Amino acid sequence: MSTPRTSGRAGADRADDDRHGADAARRGSRRGTALRVAGLAVVVVALIWVAATVRLPELDDLRERIEGFGWWSWLVFVAAYAVVALTPIPVTIMALLGGLLFGVVAGSLLSVVGAVIGSVGAYWIARAIGRTTVMRLLGRHARKLEDRLDESSGFAAVFTLRVMPGMPYWPVNYGAGALGVPSRVFSIASLVASVPGQVSLVSIGAFIAAPSFWSGAVVVIAWGVVLGFTIWAWRSWRGKAEHSLPGEPDPSDTSAG
């Protein structure tokens, strides 16, 4: 049977342990916050530097440089596209270059691969950095994305934001990662929805390289498909579409995450 003095000492020891544990938790929290702030500073400085100082060469210059790699030009193009997709630099110029260099079919394939690699890379960077940091980085785009993307966002939401003309890639990539959109949903929706947009841009590059009636027709058809997919995706997002979007998983499948 413990004496009052022994019980009092044990209680004091427990209180000290709790206090030390709380102090350690606070230190860990401050350390985590400091790391996130440091991460924000590094990312912001890097993106500002890229956006302010890095200028992609003219299309003709880019074409000559990439063609200079010979058989490696395909791999170089995909790698360059992926890097551009990680930054606020518009990916449009890379897609146009794909059409100039490789034509509609090969250019579209390589552009989709590069765009998806960059998009998925940005998504996982955002997951690693954290929501607060990324939302600050996104600036004016943050509120719009917070209203549209979250952990419960479905395939149609990501698909719509990806296929919609005029919507930059990079805010969607980083926003989806920061806001907890399931990785499988983001990856599949980004892959499928990137195809019509990339083909529409690549076809313009191919038309510039070799103007003809048929290459012009491809441009018109490709942009018609983009507009059609945008309307379809928007209606699907609002629950008004009669058919599921291409690649959309079965609602009963809960394995996405």
Protein backbone atom coordinates (compact mmCIF):
# COMPACT_ATOMS: atom_id res chain seq x y z
CA MET A 1 0.00 0.00 0.00
CA SER A 2 1.55 3.34 -1.03
CA THR A 3 1.93 6.18 1.46
CA PRO A 4 0.59 9.67 0.69
CA ARG A 5 4.17 10.88 0.22
CA THR A 6 4.90 8.13 -2.30
CA SER A 7 1.65 8.80 -4.18
CA GLY A 8 2.41 12.52 -4.24
CA ARG A 9 5.90 11.92 -5.65
CA ALA A 10 4.51 9.61 -8.33
CA GLY A 11 1.92 12.17 -9.28
CA ALA A 12 4.58 14.87 -9.52
CA ASP A 13 6.71 12.60 -11.72
CA ARG A 14 3.78 12.00 -14.03
CA ALA A 15 3.10 15.72 -14.21
CA ASP A 16 6.75 16.36 -15.07
CA ASP A 17 6.61 13.70 -17.77
CA ASP A 18 3.44 15.23 -19.22
CA ARG A 19 5.02 18.67 -19.15
CA HIS A 20 8.18 17.44 -20.84
CA GLY A 21 6.08 15.61 -23.45
CA ALA A 22 4.07 18.74 -24.15
CA ASP A 23 7.27 20.79 -24.47
CA ALA A 24 8.72 18.23 -26.87
CA ALA A 25 5.52 18.27 -28.92
CA ARG A 26 5.63 22.06 -29.12
CA ARG A 27 9.27 21.99 -30.17
CA GLY A 28 8.45 19.40 -32.81
CA SER A 29 5.55 21.49 -34.04
CA ARG A 30 7.73 24.62 -34.23
CA ARG A 31 10.43 22.65 -36.03
CA GLY A 32 7.86 21.32 -38.54
CA THR A 33 6.50 24.83 -39.08
CA ALA A 34 10.01 26.19 -39.59
CA LEU A 35 10.75 23.49 -42.17
CA ARG A 36 7.53 24.26 -44.04
CA VAL A 37 8.27 27.98 -44.02
CA ALA A 38 11.78 27.25 -45.30
CA GLY A 39 10.28 25.02 -47.99
CA LEU A 40 7.88 27.81 -48.96
CA ALA A 41 10.75 30.28 -49.21
CA VAL A 42 12.80 27.95 -51.41
CA VAL A 43 9.89 27.13 -53.73
CA VAL A 44 8.73 30.75 -54.00
CA VAL A 45 12.22 32.02 -54.75
CA ALA A 46 12.76 29.29 -57.33
CA LEU A 47 9.46 29.89 -59.11
CA ILE A 48 9.87 33.68 -59.05
CA TRP A 49 13.36 33.28 -60.50
CA VAL A 50 12.10 30.94 -63.21
CA ALA A 51 9.12 33.12 -64.11
CA ALA A 52 11.12 36.37 -64.05
CA THR A 53 14.43 35.38 -65.60
CA VAL A 54 13.96 32.22 -67.62
CA ARG A 55 12.67 32.87 -71.10
CA LEU A 56 12.08 29.98 -73.42
CA PRO A 57 13.77 30.56 -76.78
CA GLU A 58 11.71 31.21 -79.88
CA LEU A 59 10.07 28.17 -81.43
CA ASP A 60 12.60 28.04 -84.27
CA ASP A 61 15.52 28.12 -81.82
CA LEU A 62 13.97 25.43 -79.67
CA ARG A 63 13.35 23.32 -82.71
CA GLU A 64 16.98 23.53 -83.81
CA ARG A 65 18.29 22.74 -80.33
CA ILE A 66 16.10 19.69 -79.79
CA GLU A 67 16.61 18.37 -83.31
CA GLY A 68 20.34 18.58 -82.63
CA PHE A 69 20.03 15.64 -80.23
CA GLY A 70 19.12 13.29 -83.08
CA TRP A 71 17.48 10.09 -81.87
CA TRP A 72 17.59 11.44 -78.32
CA SER A 73 15.33 14.34 -79.27
CA TRP A 74 12.20 12.47 -78.19
CA LEU A 75 13.55 11.89 -74.69
CA VAL A 76 14.92 15.43 -74.44
CA PHE A 77 11.57 16.85 -75.49
CA VAL A 78 9.63 14.83 -72.90
CA ALA A 79 12.09 15.80 -70.15
CA ALA A 80 11.94 19.47 -71.10
CA TYR A 81 8.15 19.38 -71.21
CA ALA A 82 7.98 17.78 -67.75
CA VAL A 83 10.26 20.46 -66.28
CA VAL A 84 8.18 23.27 -67.82
CA ALA A 85 5.00 21.67 -66.42
CA LEU A 86 6.50 22.00 -62.92
CA THR A 87 6.72 25.78 -63.28
CA PRO A 88 4.31 28.66 -64.01
CA ILE A 89 5.71 28.85 -67.54
CA PRO A 90 2.81 28.04 -69.92
CA VAL A 91 3.09 24.58 -71.46
CA THR A 92 1.54 25.84 -74.70
CA ILE A 93 4.88 26.57 -76.33
CA MET A 94 6.07 23.02 -75.66
CA ALA A 95 2.95 21.51 -77.21
CA LEU A 96 3.32 23.74 -80.27
CA LEU A 97 6.94 22.67 -80.52
CA GLY A 98 5.86 19.04 -80.37
CA GLY A 99 3.73 19.59 -83.46
CA LEU A 100 6.53 21.42 -85.26
CA LEU A 101 9.07 18.70 -84.53
CA PHE A 102 7.15 15.44 -84.60
CA GLY A 103 3.79 16.00 -86.29
CA VAL A 104 0.35 15.47 -84.82
CA VAL A 105 0.54 11.79 -83.82
CA ALA A 106 4.04 11.53 -82.32
CA GLY A 107 3.94 15.12 -81.07
CA SER A 108 0.67 14.53 -79.23
CA LEU A 109 1.93 11.30 -77.65
CA LEU A 110 5.17 12.88 -76.44
CA SER A 111 3.39 16.02 -75.21
CA VAL A 112 0.89 14.01 -73.19
CA VAL A 113 3.70 11.97 -71.62
CA GLY A 114 5.68 15.09 -70.71
CA ALA A 115 2.62 16.92 -69.38
CA VAL A 116 1.52 13.99 -67.22
CA ILE A 117 5.01 13.40 -65.80
CA GLY A 118 5.30 17.07 -64.86
CA SER A 119 1.77 17.17 -63.46
CA VAL A 120 2.24 14.11 -61.26
CA GLY A 121 5.62 15.42 -60.13
CA ALA A 122 4.09 18.75 -59.08
CA TYR A 123 1.27 16.89 -57.30
CA TRP A 124 3.72 14.93 -55.12
CA ILE A 125 5.86 18.01 -54.46
CA ALA A 126 2.74 19.70 -53.12
CA ARG A 127 1.90 16.67 -50.98
CA ALA A 128 5.40 16.81 -49.50
CA ILE A 129 5.40 20.57 -48.83
CA GLY A 130 1.94 20.74 -47.29
CA ARG A 131 -1.33 22.58 -47.79
CA THR A 132 -0.57 25.87 -46.03
CA THR A 133 2.67 26.43 -47.89
CA VAL A 134 1.24 25.57 -51.30
CA MET A 135 -1.87 27.70 -50.83
CA ARG A 136 0.34 30.70 -50.13
CA LEU A 137 2.37 29.88 -53.21
CA LEU A 138 -0.71 29.67 -55.43
CA GLY A 139 -1.77 33.22 -54.57
CA ARG A 140 -4.85 34.31 -56.50
CA HIS A 141 -5.47 30.76 -57.71
CA ALA A 142 -5.83 29.39 -54.16
CA ARG A 143 -9.41 30.50 -53.46
CA LYS A 144 -10.68 29.23 -56.80
CA LEU A 145 -9.09 25.81 -56.27
CA GLU A 146 -10.23 25.55 -52.65
CA ASP A 147 -13.80 26.03 -53.88
CA ARG A 148 -13.41 23.21 -56.41
CA LEU A 149 -10.91 20.67 -55.11
CA ASP A 150 -10.73 18.77 -51.83
CA GLU A 151 -10.34 15.22 -50.51
CA SER A 152 -13.83 14.33 -51.74
CA SER A 153 -13.30 15.75 -55.23
CA GLY A 154 -14.19 13.25 -57.85
CA PHE A 155 -12.87 12.37 -61.25
CA ALA A 156 -15.13 14.86 -63.02
CA ALA A 157 -13.86 17.83 -61.00
CA VAL A 158 -10.22 17.16 -61.85
CA PHE A 159 -11.11 16.28 -65.45
CA THR A 160 -13.00 19.57 -65.90
CA LEU A 161 -10.20 21.74 -64.55
CA ARG A 162 -7.66 19.89 -66.69
CA VAL A 163 -9.54 19.96 -70.00
CA MET A 164 -10.98 23.48 -69.65
CA PRO A 165 -9.33 25.88 -72.17
CA GLY A 166 -7.40 28.68 -70.54
CA MET A 167 -6.89 26.92 -67.20
CA PRO A 168 -3.13 26.75 -66.45
CA TYR A 169 -1.74 23.34 -65.60
CA TRP A 170 0.47 24.27 -62.66
CA PRO A 171 -2.15 25.60 -60.18
CA VAL A 172 -4.27 22.47 -60.68
CA ASN A 173 -1.26 20.21 -60.20
CA TYR A 174 -0.07 21.81 -56.98
CA GLY A 175 -3.57 22.56 -55.72
CA ALA A 176 -4.73 18.97 -56.13
CA GLY A 177 -1.75 17.70 -54.16
CA ALA A 178 -2.12 20.28 -51.40
CA LEU A 179 -5.87 19.85 -51.02
CA GLY A 180 -5.71 16.06 -50.72
CA VAL A 181 -7.27 14.96 -54.01
CA PRO A 182 -6.69 11.17 -54.19
CA SER A 183 -3.57 10.41 -56.20
CA ARG A 184 -5.23 7.78 -58.38
CA VAL A 185 -8.11 10.11 -59.25
CA PHE A 186 -5.72 12.93 -60.09
CA SER A 187 -3.38 10.78 -62.16
CA ILE A 188 -6.05 9.07 -64.27
CA ALA A 189 -8.13 12.22 -64.79
CA SER A 190 -5.03 14.22 -65.72
CA LEU A 191 -3.89 11.60 -68.21
CA VAL A 192 -7.24 11.25 -69.97
CA ALA A 193 -8.16 14.95 -69.89
CA SER A 194 -4.74 16.05 -71.14
CA VAL A 195 -5.15 14.20 -74.42
CA PRO A 196 -7.70 16.48 -76.17
CA GLY A 197 -5.99 19.68 -75.02
CA GLN A 198 -2.55 18.52 -76.04
CA VAL A 199 -3.74 17.30 -79.44
CA SER A 200 -5.44 20.65 -80.09
CA LEU A 201 -2.21 22.54 -79.38
CA VAL A 202 0.10 20.09 -81.12
CA SER A 203 -2.10 20.21 -84.22
CA ILE A 204 -1.53 23.97 -84.44
CA GLY A 205 2.23 23.38 -84.37
CA ALA A 206 1.91 20.75 -87.08
CA PHE A 207 -0.17 23.15 -89.19
CA ILE A 208 2.50 25.85 -88.82
CA ALA A 209 5.15 23.36 -89.94
CA ALA A 210 3.19 22.14 -92.95
CA PRO A 211 0.05 24.14 -93.75
CA SER A 212 -2.56 22.21 -95.69
CA PHE A 213 -6.29 21.66 -95.83
CA TRP A 214 -6.02 18.43 -93.89
CA SER A 215 -3.75 19.78 -91.16
CA GLY A 216 -6.13 22.73 -90.82
CA ALA A 217 -9.07 20.34 -90.56
CA VAL A 218 -7.30 18.50 -87.74
CA VAL A 219 -6.95 21.78 -85.84
CA VAL A 220 -10.66 22.54 -86.19
CA ILE A 221 -11.72 19.03 -85.22
CA ALA A 222 -9.32 18.93 -82.26
CA TRP A 223 -10.63 22.18 -80.82
CA GLY A 224 -14.19 21.02 -81.36
CA VAL A 225 -13.37 17.91 -79.32
CA VAL A 226 -11.88 20.08 -76.54
CA LEU A 227 -15.03 22.18 -76.32
CA GLY A 228 -17.20 19.06 -76.39
CA PHE A 229 -15.21 17.42 -73.59
CA THR A 230 -15.33 20.62 -71.55
CA ILE A 231 -19.12 20.73 -71.71
CA TRP A 232 -19.39 16.99 -71.02
CA ALA A 233 -17.02 17.21 -68.05
CA TRP A 234 -18.81 20.22 -66.60
CA ARG A 235 -22.19 18.49 -66.84
CA SER A 236 -20.72 15.35 -65.32
CA TRP A 237 -19.26 17.36 -62.44
CA ARG A 238 -22.71 18.84 -61.82
CA GLY A 239 -24.31 15.41 -62.00
CA LYS A 240 -26.25 16.18 -65.18
CA ALA A 241 -24.38 14.04 -67.73
CA GLU A 242 -26.03 10.88 -69.01
CA HIS A 243 -22.75 9.01 -69.55
CA SER A 244 -19.57 8.64 -67.53
CA LEU A 245 -16.41 10.38 -68.68
CA PRO A 246 -13.69 8.28 -70.36
CA GLY A 247 -11.58 6.61 -67.68
CA GLU A 248 -13.97 7.52 -64.88
CA PRO A 249 -13.88 4.80 -62.20
CA ASP A 250 -16.91 2.97 -60.91
CA PRO A 251 -18.45 4.98 -58.04
CA SER A 252 -18.51 1.79 -55.94
CA ASP A 253 -14.69 1.50 -56.25
CA THR A 254 -13.24 2.89 -53.02
CA SER A 255 -9.64 1.93 -53.74
CA ALA A 256 -8.63 5.33 -55.13
CA GLY A 257 -6.34 7.14 -52.78
